Amino acid sequence: MANIKSAKKRIKVIDKKTARNRRVKDHVKEALRQFDEAVVSGDMNVAAEKLTLAEKKLMQAASKGSINKHAASRKVSRITKRFNAAKSAK
């Protein structure tokens, strides 16, 4: 346990940031999971909605610094590619 006052404050700040990052990442994972379920079920209208939601959540997470902006762009690119492949297969 920290003894110095500033170190104690840093522990509190880190706990808040960790909780926020965890919450943001959980939202991203849930959006990606919903997109996956929509693609697997074959409903392209729902999948298109979930794609836009997942893209929004990823970009929000990147803007908050919870994930790297390049990682967010890469994931958006990959899910868009999956969506287009599934749409063309139908």
PDB file of N, CA and C in Angstrom:
ATOM      1  N   MET A   1       0.847  -1.184   0.000  1.00  0.00           N
ATOM      2  CA  MET A   1       0.000   0.000   0.000  1.00  0.00           C
ATOM      3  C   MET A   1       0.885   1.237   0.000  1.00  0.00           C
ATOM      4  N   ALA A   2       0.442   2.247  -0.733  1.00  0.00           N
ATOM      5  CA  ALA A   2       1.220   3.477  -0.837  1.00  0.00           C
ATOM      6  C   ALA A   2       1.145   4.274   0.462  1.00  0.00           C
ATOM      7  N   ASN A   3       2.234   4.952   0.784  1.00  0.00           N
ATOM      8  CA  ASN A   3       2.283   5.800   1.967  1.00  0.00           C
ATOM      9  C   ASN A   3       2.199   7.279   1.613  1.00  0.00           C
ATOM     10  N   ILE A   4       2.681   7.620   0.427  1.00  0.00           N
ATOM     11  CA  ILE A   4       2.724   9.021   0.009  1.00  0.00           C
ATOM     12  C   ILE A   4       1.351   9.431  -0.519  1.00  0.00           C
ATOM     13  N   LYS A   5       0.949  10.645  -0.197  1.00  0.00           N
ATOM     14  CA  LYS A   5      -0.389  11.134  -0.537  1.00  0.00           C
ATOM     15  C   LYS A   5      -0.627  11.123  -2.050  1.00  0.00           C
ATOM     16  N   SER A   6       0.354  11.549  -2.825  1.00  0.00           N
ATOM     17  CA  SER A   6       0.186  11.587  -4.274  1.00  0.00           C
ATOM     18  C   SER A   6       0.057  10.179  -4.854  1.00  0.00           C
ATOM     19  N   ALA A   7       0.762   9.221  -4.264  1.00  0.00           N
ATOM     20  CA  ALA A   7       0.673   7.835  -4.721  1.00  0.00           C
ATOM     21  C   ALA A   7      -0.707   7.258  -4.417  1.00  0.00           C
ATOM     22  N   LYS A   8      -1.260   7.631  -3.266  1.00  0.00           N
ATOM     23  CA  LYS A   8      -2.616   7.183  -2.923  1.00  0.00           C
ATOM     24  C   LYS A   8      -3.629   7.737  -3.910  1.00  0.00           C
ATOM     25  N   LYS A   9      -3.425   9.006  -4.290  1.00  0.00           N
ATOM     26  CA  LYS A   9      -4.330   9.623  -5.272  1.00  0.00           C
ATOM     27  C   LYS A   9      -4.200   8.919  -6.618  1.00  0.00           C
ATOM     28  N   ARG A  10      -2.976   8.606  -7.034  1.00  0.00           N
ATOM     29  CA  ARG A  10      -2.769   7.921  -8.312  1.00  0.00           C
ATOM     30  C   ARG A  10      -3.474   6.569  -8.325  1.00  0.00           C
ATOM     31  N   ILE A  11      -3.474   5.879  -7.204  1.00  0.00           N
ATOM     32  CA  ILE A  11      -4.165   4.589  -7.117  1.00  0.00           C
ATOM     33  C   ILE A  11      -5.656   4.777  -7.371  1.00  0.00           C
ATOM     34  N   LYS A  12      -6.240   5.816  -6.781  1.00  0.00           N
ATOM     35  CA  LYS A  12      -7.664   6.095  -6.996  1.00  0.00           C
ATOM     36  C   LYS A  12      -7.943   6.434  -8.461  1.00  0.00           C
ATOM     37  N   VAL A  13      -7.078   7.251  -9.040  1.00  0.00           N
ATOM     38  CA  VAL A  13      -7.253   7.656 -10.445  1.00  0.00           C
ATOM     39  C   VAL A  13      -7.150   6.446 -11.370  1.00  0.00           C
ATOM     40  N   ILE A  14      -6.165   5.595 -11.100  1.00  0.00           N
ATOM     41  CA  ILE A  14      -5.978   4.395 -11.918  1.00  0.00           C
ATOM     42  C   ILE A  14      -7.187   3.478 -11.812  1.00  0.00           C
ATOM     43  N   ASP A  15      -7.748   3.349 -10.603  1.00  0.00           N
ATOM     44  CA  ASP A  15      -8.936   2.510 -10.428  1.00  0.00           C
ATOM     45  C   ASP A  15     -10.107   3.038 -11.244  1.00  0.00           C
ATOM     46  N   LYS A  16     -10.283   4.358 -11.259  1.00  0.00           N
ATOM     47  CA  LYS A  16     -11.371   4.956 -12.042  1.00  0.00           C
ATOM     48  C   LYS A  16     -11.158   4.730 -13.533  1.00  0.00           C
ATOM     49  N   LYS A  17      -9.919   4.942 -13.992  1.00  0.00           N
ATOM     50  CA  LYS A  17      -9.622   4.756 -15.415  1.00  0.00           C
ATOM     51  C   LYS A  17      -9.776   3.303 -15.827  1.00  0.00           C
ATOM     52  N   THR A  18      -9.366   2.389 -14.955  1.00  0.00           N
ATOM     53  CA  THR A  18      -9.495   0.961 -15.246  1.00  0.00           C
ATOM     54  C   THR A  18     -10.966   0.576 -15.380  1.00  0.00           C
ATOM     55  N   ALA A  19     -11.785   1.080 -14.471  1.00  0.00           N
ATOM     56  CA  ALA A  19     -13.219   0.776 -14.518  1.00  0.00           C
ATOM     57  C   ALA A  19     -13.837   1.332 -15.804  1.00  0.00           C
ATOM     58  N   ARG A  20     -13.448   2.544 -16.182  1.00  0.00           N
ATOM     59  CA  ARG A  20     -13.981   3.158 -17.399  1.00  0.00           C
ATOM     60  C   ARG A  20     -13.557   2.378 -18.638  1.00  0.00           C
ATOM     61  N   ASN A  21     -12.277   2.012 -18.704  1.00  0.00           N
ATOM     62  CA  ASN A  21     -11.784   1.244 -19.846  1.00  0.00           C
ATOM     63  C   ASN A  21     -12.483  -0.108 -19.937  1.00  0.00           C
ATOM     64  N   ARG A  22     -12.681  -0.749 -18.800  1.00  0.00           N
ATOM     65  CA  ARG A  22     -13.352  -2.047 -18.791  1.00  0.00           C
ATOM     66  C   ARG A  22     -14.791  -1.910 -19.300  1.00  0.00           C
ATOM     67  N   ARG A  23     -15.469  -0.848 -18.857  1.00  0.00           N
ATOM     68  CA  ARG A  23     -16.845  -0.605 -19.285  1.00  0.00           C
ATOM     69  C   ARG A  23     -16.898  -0.352 -20.798  1.00  0.00           C
ATOM     70  N   VAL A  24     -15.998   0.463 -21.305  1.00  0.00           N
ATOM     71  CA  VAL A  24     -15.970   0.780 -22.729  1.00  0.00           C
ATOM     72  C   VAL A  24     -15.676  -0.476 -23.551  1.00  0.00           C
ATOM     73  N   LYS A  25     -14.704  -1.260 -23.103  1.00  0.00           N
ATOM     74  CA  LYS A  25     -14.350  -2.479 -23.826  1.00  0.00           C
ATOM     75  C   LYS A  25     -15.484  -3.498 -23.792  1.00  0.00           C
ATOM     76  N   ASP A  26     -16.226  -3.555 -22.692  1.00  0.00           N
ATOM     77  CA  ASP A  26     -17.376  -4.453 -22.622  1.00  0.00           C
ATOM     78  C   ASP A  26     -18.446  -4.046 -23.628  1.00  0.00           C
ATOM     79  N   HIS A  27     -18.651  -2.737 -23.796  1.00  0.00           N
ATOM     80  CA  HIS A  27     -19.620  -2.252 -24.783  1.00  0.00           C
ATOM     81  C   HIS A  27     -19.177  -2.641 -26.193  1.00  0.00           C
ATOM     82  N   VAL A  28     -17.899  -2.519 -26.463  1.00  0.00           N
ATOM     83  CA  VAL A  28     -17.359  -2.876 -27.783  1.00  0.00           C
ATOM     84  C   VAL A  28     -17.550  -4.367 -28.034  1.00  0.00           C
ATOM     85  N   LYS A  29     -17.211  -5.180 -27.038  1.00  0.00           N
ATOM     86  CA  LYS A  29     -17.342  -6.632 -27.195  1.00  0.00           C
ATOM     87  C   LYS A  29     -18.791  -7.032 -27.424  1.00  0.00           C
ATOM     88  N   GLU A  30     -19.702  -6.392 -26.713  1.00  0.00           N
ATOM     89  CA  GLU A  30     -21.122  -6.705 -26.876  1.00  0.00           C
ATOM     90  C   GLU A  30     -21.605  -6.332 -28.278  1.00  0.00           C
ATOM     91  N   ALA A  31     -21.164  -5.185 -28.783  1.00  0.00           N
ATOM     92  CA  ALA A  31     -21.549  -4.763 -30.132  1.00  0.00           C
ATOM     93  C   ALA A  31     -21.002  -5.734 -31.175  1.00  0.00           C
ATOM     94  N   LEU A  32     -19.764  -6.173 -31.003  1.00  0.00           N
ATOM     95  CA  LEU A  32     -19.166  -7.128 -31.940  1.00  0.00           C
ATOM     96  C   LEU A  32     -19.872  -8.482 -31.868  1.00  0.00           C
ATOM     97  N   ARG A  33     -20.252  -8.891 -30.660  1.00  0.00           N
ATOM     98  CA  ARG A  33     -20.960 -10.162 -30.481  1.00  0.00           C
ATOM     99  C   ARG A  33     -22.322 -10.118 -31.178  1.00  0.00           C
ATOM    100  N   GLN A  34     -23.026  -9.002 -31.026  1.00  0.00           N
ATOM    101  CA  GLN A  34     -24.327  -8.859 -31.683  1.00  0.00           C
ATOM    102  C   GLN A  34     -24.179  -8.869 -33.199  1.00  0.00           C
ATOM    103  N   PHE A  35     -23.126  -8.237 -33.701  1.00  0.00           N
ATOM    104  CA  PHE A  35     -22.869  -8.249 -35.143  1.00  0.00           C
ATOM    105  C   PHE A  35     -22.616  -9.670 -35.620  1.00  0.00           C
ATOM    106  N   ASP A  36     -21.790 -10.421 -34.883  1.00  0.00           N
ATOM    107  CA  ASP A  36     -21.493 -11.808 -35.252  1.00  0.00           C
ATOM    108  C   ASP A  36     -22.763 -12.652 -35.299  1.00  0.00           C
ATOM    109  N   GLU A  37     -23.617 -12.479 -34.302  1.00  0.00           N
ATOM    110  CA  GLU A  37     -24.867 -13.248 -34.254  1.00  0.00           C
ATOM    111  C   GLU A  37     -25.758 -12.910 -35.449  1.00  0.00           C
ATOM    112  N   ALA A  38     -25.812 -11.642 -35.821  1.00  0.00           N
ATOM    113  CA  ALA A  38     -26.640 -11.235 -36.947  1.00  0.00           C
ATOM    114  C   ALA A  38     -26.109 -11.806 -38.256  1.00  0.00           C
ATOM    115  N   VAL A  39     -24.781 -11.826 -38.420  1.00  0.00           N
ATOM    116  CA  VAL A  39     -24.185 -12.374 -39.648  1.00  0.00           C
ATOM    117  C   VAL A  39     -24.425 -13.874 -39.723  1.00  0.00           C
ATOM    118  N   VAL A  40     -24.254 -14.565 -38.598  1.00  0.00           N
ATOM    119  CA  VAL A  40     -24.449 -16.018 -38.565  1.00  0.00           C
ATOM    120  C   VAL A  40     -25.901 -16.371 -38.858  1.00  0.00           C
ATOM    121  N   SER A  41     -26.838 -15.575 -38.327  1.00  0.00           N
ATOM    122  CA  SER A  41     -28.251 -15.856 -38.573  1.00  0.00           C
ATOM    123  C   SER A  41     -28.643 -15.565 -40.015  1.00  0.00           C
ATOM    124  N   GLY A  42     -27.855 -14.751 -40.698  1.00  0.00           N
ATOM    125  CA  GLY A  42     -28.114 -14.473 -42.115  1.00  0.00           C
ATOM    126  C   GLY A  42     -29.024 -13.289 -42.362  1.00  0.00           C
ATOM    127  N   ASP A  43     -29.410 -12.577 -41.333  1.00  0.00           N
ATOM    128  CA  ASP A  43     -30.276 -11.405 -41.492  1.00  0.00           C
ATOM    129  C   ASP A  43     -29.402 -10.184 -41.784  1.00  0.00           C
ATOM    130  N   MET A  44     -29.311  -9.807 -43.059  1.00  0.00           N
ATOM    131  CA  MET A  44     -28.383  -8.756 -43.472  1.00  0.00           C
ATOM    132  C   MET A  44     -28.851  -7.356 -43.055  1.00  0.00           C
ATOM    133  N   ASN A  45     -30.166  -7.160 -42.922  1.00  0.00           N
ATOM    134  CA  ASN A  45     -30.645  -5.848 -42.470  1.00  0.00           C
ATOM    135  C   ASN A  45     -30.223  -5.580 -41.030  1.00  0.00           C
ATOM    136  N   VAL A  46     -30.403  -6.578 -40.192  1.00  0.00           N
ATOM    137  CA  VAL A  46     -29.990  -6.446 -38.795  1.00  0.00           C
ATOM    138  C   VAL A  46     -28.466  -6.362 -38.717  1.00  0.00           C
ATOM    139  N   ALA A  47     -27.787  -7.142 -39.533  1.00  0.00           N
ATOM    140  CA  ALA A  47     -26.323  -7.137 -39.535  1.00  0.00           C
ATOM    141  C   ALA A  47     -25.788  -5.761 -39.933  1.00  0.00           C
ATOM    142  N   ALA A  48     -26.453  -5.109 -40.879  1.00  0.00           N
ATOM    143  CA  ALA A  48     -26.021  -3.766 -41.292  1.00  0.00           C
ATOM    144  C   ALA A  48     -26.168  -2.774 -40.142  1.00  0.00           C
ATOM    145  N   GLU A  49     -27.265  -2.878 -39.401  1.00  0.00           N
ATOM    146  CA  GLU A  49     -27.462  -2.006 -38.239  1.00  0.00           C
ATOM    147  C   GLU A  49     -26.404  -2.280 -37.169  1.00  0.00           C
ATOM    148  N   LYS A  50     -26.141  -3.558 -36.931  1.00  0.00           N
ATOM    149  CA  LYS A  50     -25.159  -3.932 -35.910  1.00  0.00           C
ATOM    150  C   LYS A  50     -23.749  -3.541 -36.342  1.00  0.00           C
ATOM    151  N   LEU A  51     -23.508  -3.545 -37.649  1.00  0.00           N
ATOM    152  CA  LEU A  51     -22.204  -3.115 -38.159  1.00  0.00           C
ATOM    153  C   LEU A  51     -21.978  -1.644 -37.854  1.00  0.00           C
ATOM    154  N   THR A  52     -22.971  -0.812 -38.107  1.00  0.00           N
ATOM    155  CA  THR A  52     -22.814   0.621 -37.835  1.00  0.00           C
ATOM    156  C   THR A  52     -22.666   0.867 -36.333  1.00  0.00           C
ATOM    157  N   LEU A  53     -23.405   0.110 -35.521  1.00  0.00           N
ATOM    158  CA  LEU A  53     -23.290   0.253 -34.071  1.00  0.00           C
ATOM    159  C   LEU A  53     -21.899  -0.162 -33.587  1.00  0.00           C
ATOM    160  N   ALA A  54     -21.402  -1.281 -34.112  1.00  0.00           N
ATOM    161  CA  ALA A  54     -20.078  -1.765 -33.717  1.00  0.00           C
ATOM    162  C   ALA A  54     -18.995  -0.771 -34.141  1.00  0.00           C
ATOM    163  N   GLU A  55     -19.140  -0.226 -35.338  1.00  0.00           N
ATOM    164  CA  GLU A  55     -18.166   0.765 -35.815  1.00  0.00           C
ATOM    165  C   GLU A  55     -18.174   2.005 -34.913  1.00  0.00           C
ATOM    166  N   LYS A  56     -19.364   2.439 -34.537  1.00  0.00           N
ATOM    167  CA  LYS A  56     -19.493   3.598 -33.652  1.00  0.00           C
ATOM    168  C   LYS A  56     -18.829   3.333 -32.308  1.00  0.00           C
ATOM    169  N   LYS A  57     -19.094   2.162 -31.732  1.00  0.00           N
ATOM    170  CA  LYS A  57     -18.531   1.826 -30.427  1.00  0.00           C
ATOM    171  C   LYS A  57     -17.002   1.717 -30.494  1.00  0.00           C
ATOM    172  N   LEU A  58     -16.491   1.139 -31.582  1.00  0.00           N
ATOM    173  CA  LEU A  58     -15.049   1.027 -31.730  1.00  0.00           C
ATOM    174  C   LEU A  58     -14.394   2.397 -31.838  1.00  0.00           C
ATOM    175  N   MET A  59     -14.989   3.285 -32.604  1.00  0.00           N
ATOM    176  CA  MET A  59     -14.411   4.619 -32.765  1.00  0.00           C
ATOM    177  C   MET A  59     -14.516   5.440 -31.475  1.00  0.00           C
ATOM    178  N   GLN A  60     -15.594   5.237 -30.727  1.00  0.00           N
ATOM    179  CA  GLN A  60     -15.716   5.911 -29.437  1.00  0.00           C
ATOM    180  C   GLN A  60     -14.632   5.421 -28.481  1.00  0.00           C
ATOM    181  N   ALA A  61     -14.404   4.116 -28.476  1.00  0.00           N
ATOM    182  CA  ALA A  61     -13.367   3.550 -27.612  1.00  0.00           C
ATOM    183  C   ALA A  61     -11.990   4.080 -28.004  1.00  0.00           C
ATOM    184  N   ALA A  62     -11.766   4.233 -29.306  1.00  0.00           N
ATOM    185  CA  ALA A  62     -10.482   4.759 -29.777  1.00  0.00           C
ATOM    186  C   ALA A  62     -10.321   6.224 -29.388  1.00  0.00           C
ATOM    187  N   SER A  63     -11.404   6.986 -29.475  1.00  0.00           N
ATOM    188  CA  SER A  63     -11.304   8.403 -29.141  1.00  0.00           C
ATOM    189  C   SER A  63     -11.087   8.612 -27.643  1.00  0.00           C
ATOM    190  N   LYS A  64     -11.593   7.692 -26.828  1.00  0.00           N
ATOM    191  CA  LYS A  64     -11.396   7.785 -25.384  1.00  0.00           C
ATOM    192  C   LYS A  64     -10.021   7.261 -24.961  1.00  0.00           C
ATOM    193  N   GLY A  65      -9.352   6.566 -25.881  1.00  0.00           N
ATOM    194  CA  GLY A  65      -8.035   6.023 -25.551  1.00  0.00           C
ATOM    195  C   GLY A  65      -8.094   4.646 -24.919  1.00  0.00           C
ATOM    196  N   SER A  66      -9.265   4.032 -24.899  1.00  0.00           N
ATOM    197  CA  SER A  66      -9.382   2.690 -24.318  1.00  0.00           C
ATOM    198  C   SER A  66      -8.713   1.650 -25.196  1.00  0.00           C
ATOM    199  N   ILE A  67      -8.791   1.857 -26.512  1.00  0.00           N
ATOM    200  CA  ILE A  67      -8.065   1.009 -27.450  1.00  0.00           C
ATOM    201  C   ILE A  67      -7.343   1.918 -28.433  1.00  0.00           C
ATOM    202  N   ASN A  68      -6.355   1.388 -29.075  1.00  0.00           N
ATOM    203  CA  ASN A  68      -5.576   2.160 -30.035  1.00  0.00           C
ATOM    204  C   ASN A  68      -6.405   2.456 -31.277  1.00  0.00           C
ATOM    205  N   LYS A  69      -6.208   3.633 -31.868  1.00  0.00           N
ATOM    206  CA  LYS A  69      -7.023   4.018 -33.028  1.00  0.00           C
ATOM    207  C   LYS A  69      -6.758   3.120 -34.225  1.00  0.00           C
ATOM    208  N   HIS A  70      -5.537   2.618 -34.353  1.00  0.00           N
ATOM    209  CA  HIS A  70      -5.224   1.715 -35.460  1.00  0.00           C
ATOM    210  C   HIS A  70      -5.900   0.357 -35.259  1.00  0.00           C
ATOM    211  N   ALA A  71      -5.968  -0.090 -34.026  1.00  0.00           N
ATOM    212  CA  ALA A  71      -6.646  -1.358 -33.718  1.00  0.00           C
ATOM    213  C   ALA A  71      -8.135  -1.231 -34.017  1.00  0.00           C
ATOM    214  N   ALA A  72      -8.710  -0.082 -33.678  1.00  0.00           N
ATOM    215  CA  ALA A  72     -10.130   0.145 -33.956  1.00  0.00           C
ATOM    216  C   ALA A  72     -10.389   0.143 -35.458  1.00  0.00           C
ATOM    217  N   SER A  73      -9.547   0.832 -36.209  1.00  0.00           N
ATOM    218  CA  SER A  73      -9.705   0.878 -37.663  1.00  0.00           C
ATOM    219  C   SER A  73      -9.548  -0.507 -38.273  1.00  0.00           C
ATOM    220  N   ARG A  74      -8.596  -1.269 -37.762  1.00  0.00           N
ATOM    221  CA  ARG A  74      -8.370  -2.623 -38.265  1.00  0.00           C
ATOM    222  C   ARG A  74      -9.595  -3.502 -38.022  1.00  0.00           C
ATOM    223  N   LYS A  75     -10.188  -3.382 -36.821  1.00  0.00           N
ATOM    224  CA  LYS A  75     -11.363  -4.191 -36.502  1.00  0.00           C
ATOM    225  C   LYS A  75     -12.561  -3.781 -37.344  1.00  0.00           C
ATOM    226  N   VAL A  76     -12.724  -2.485 -37.565  1.00  0.00           N
ATOM    227  CA  VAL A  76     -13.816  -2.009 -38.418  1.00  0.00           C
ATOM    228  C   VAL A  76     -13.640  -2.558 -39.820  1.00  0.00           C
ATOM    229  N   SER A  77     -12.416  -2.507 -40.320  1.00  0.00           N
ATOM    230  CA  SER A  77     -12.136  -3.020 -41.658  1.00  0.00           C
ATOM    231  C   SER A  77     -12.467  -4.508 -41.760  1.00  0.00           C
ATOM    232  N   ARG A  78     -12.096  -5.252 -40.759  1.00  0.00           N
ATOM    233  CA  ARG A  78     -12.322  -6.702 -40.792  1.00  0.00           C
ATOM    234  C   ARG A  78     -13.811  -7.050 -40.709  1.00  0.00           C
ATOM    235  N   ILE A  79     -14.559  -6.359 -39.848  1.00  0.00           N
ATOM    236  CA  ILE A  79     -15.983  -6.697 -39.756  1.00  0.00           C
ATOM    237  C   ILE A  79     -16.740  -6.222 -40.996  1.00  0.00           C
ATOM    238  N   THR A  80     -16.295  -5.117 -41.598  1.00  0.00           N
ATOM    239  CA  THR A  80     -16.922  -4.658 -42.842  1.00  0.00           C
ATOM    240  C   THR A  80     -16.668  -5.659 -43.956  1.00  0.00           C
ATOM    241  N   LYS A  81     -15.448  -6.179 -43.990  1.00  0.00           N
ATOM    242  CA  LYS A  81     -15.087  -7.192 -44.982  1.00  0.00           C
ATOM    243  C   LYS A  81     -15.944  -8.448 -44.810  1.00  0.00           C
ATOM    244  N   ARG A  82     -16.129  -8.865 -43.540  1.00  0.00           N
ATOM    245  CA  ARG A  82     -16.969 -10.038 -43.260  1.00  0.00           C
ATOM    246  C   ARG A  82     -18.417  -9.800 -43.681  1.00  0.00           C
ATOM    247  N   PHE A  83     -18.902  -8.587 -43.401  1.00  0.00           N
ATOM    248  CA  PHE A  83     -20.276  -8.250 -43.761  1.00  0.00           C
ATOM    249  C   PHE A  83     -20.465  -8.290 -45.270  1.00  0.00           C
ATOM    250  N   ASN A  84     -19.535  -7.686 -46.014  1.00  0.00           N
ATOM    251  CA  ASN A  84     -19.641  -7.676 -47.471  1.00  0.00           C
ATOM    252  C   ASN A  84     -19.550  -9.067 -48.057  1.00  0.00           C
ATOM    253  N   ALA A  85     -18.696  -9.905 -47.479  1.00  0.00           N
ATOM    254  CA  ALA A  85     -18.580 -11.299 -47.965  1.00  0.00           C
ATOM    255  C   ALA A  85     -19.875 -12.058 -47.694  1.00  0.00           C
ATOM    256  N   ALA A  86     -20.466 -11.867 -46.532  1.00  0.00           N
ATOM    257  CA  ALA A  86     -21.708 -12.562 -46.197  1.00  0.00           C
ATOM    258  C   ALA A  86     -22.860 -12.050 -47.065  1.00  0.00           C
ATOM    259  N   LYS A  87     -22.849 -10.749 -47.341  1.00  0.00           N
ATOM    260  CA  LYS A  87     -23.909 -10.167 -48.175  1.00  0.00           C
ATOM    261  C   LYS A  87     -23.820 -10.679 -49.599  1.00  0.00           C
ATOM    262  N   SER A  88     -22.610 -10.790 -50.130  1.00  0.00           N
ATOM    263  CA  SER A  88     -22.456 -11.270 -51.508  1.00  0.00           C
ATOM    264  C   SER A  88     -22.754 -12.761 -51.621  1.00  0.00           C
ATOM    265  N   ALA A  89     -22.555 -13.497 -50.523  1.00  0.00           N
ATOM    266  CA  ALA A  89     -22.847 -14.928 -50.520  1.00  0.00           C
ATOM    267  C   ALA A  89     -24.347 -15.203 -50.530  1.00  0.00           C
ATOM    268  N   LYS A  90     -25.114 -14.257 -50.007  1.00  0.00           N
ATOM    269  CA  LYS A  90     -26.582 -14.453 -49.943  1.00  0.00           C
ATOM    270  C   LYS A  90     -27.230 -14.250 -51.287  1.00  0.00           C
TER     271      LYS A  90
END
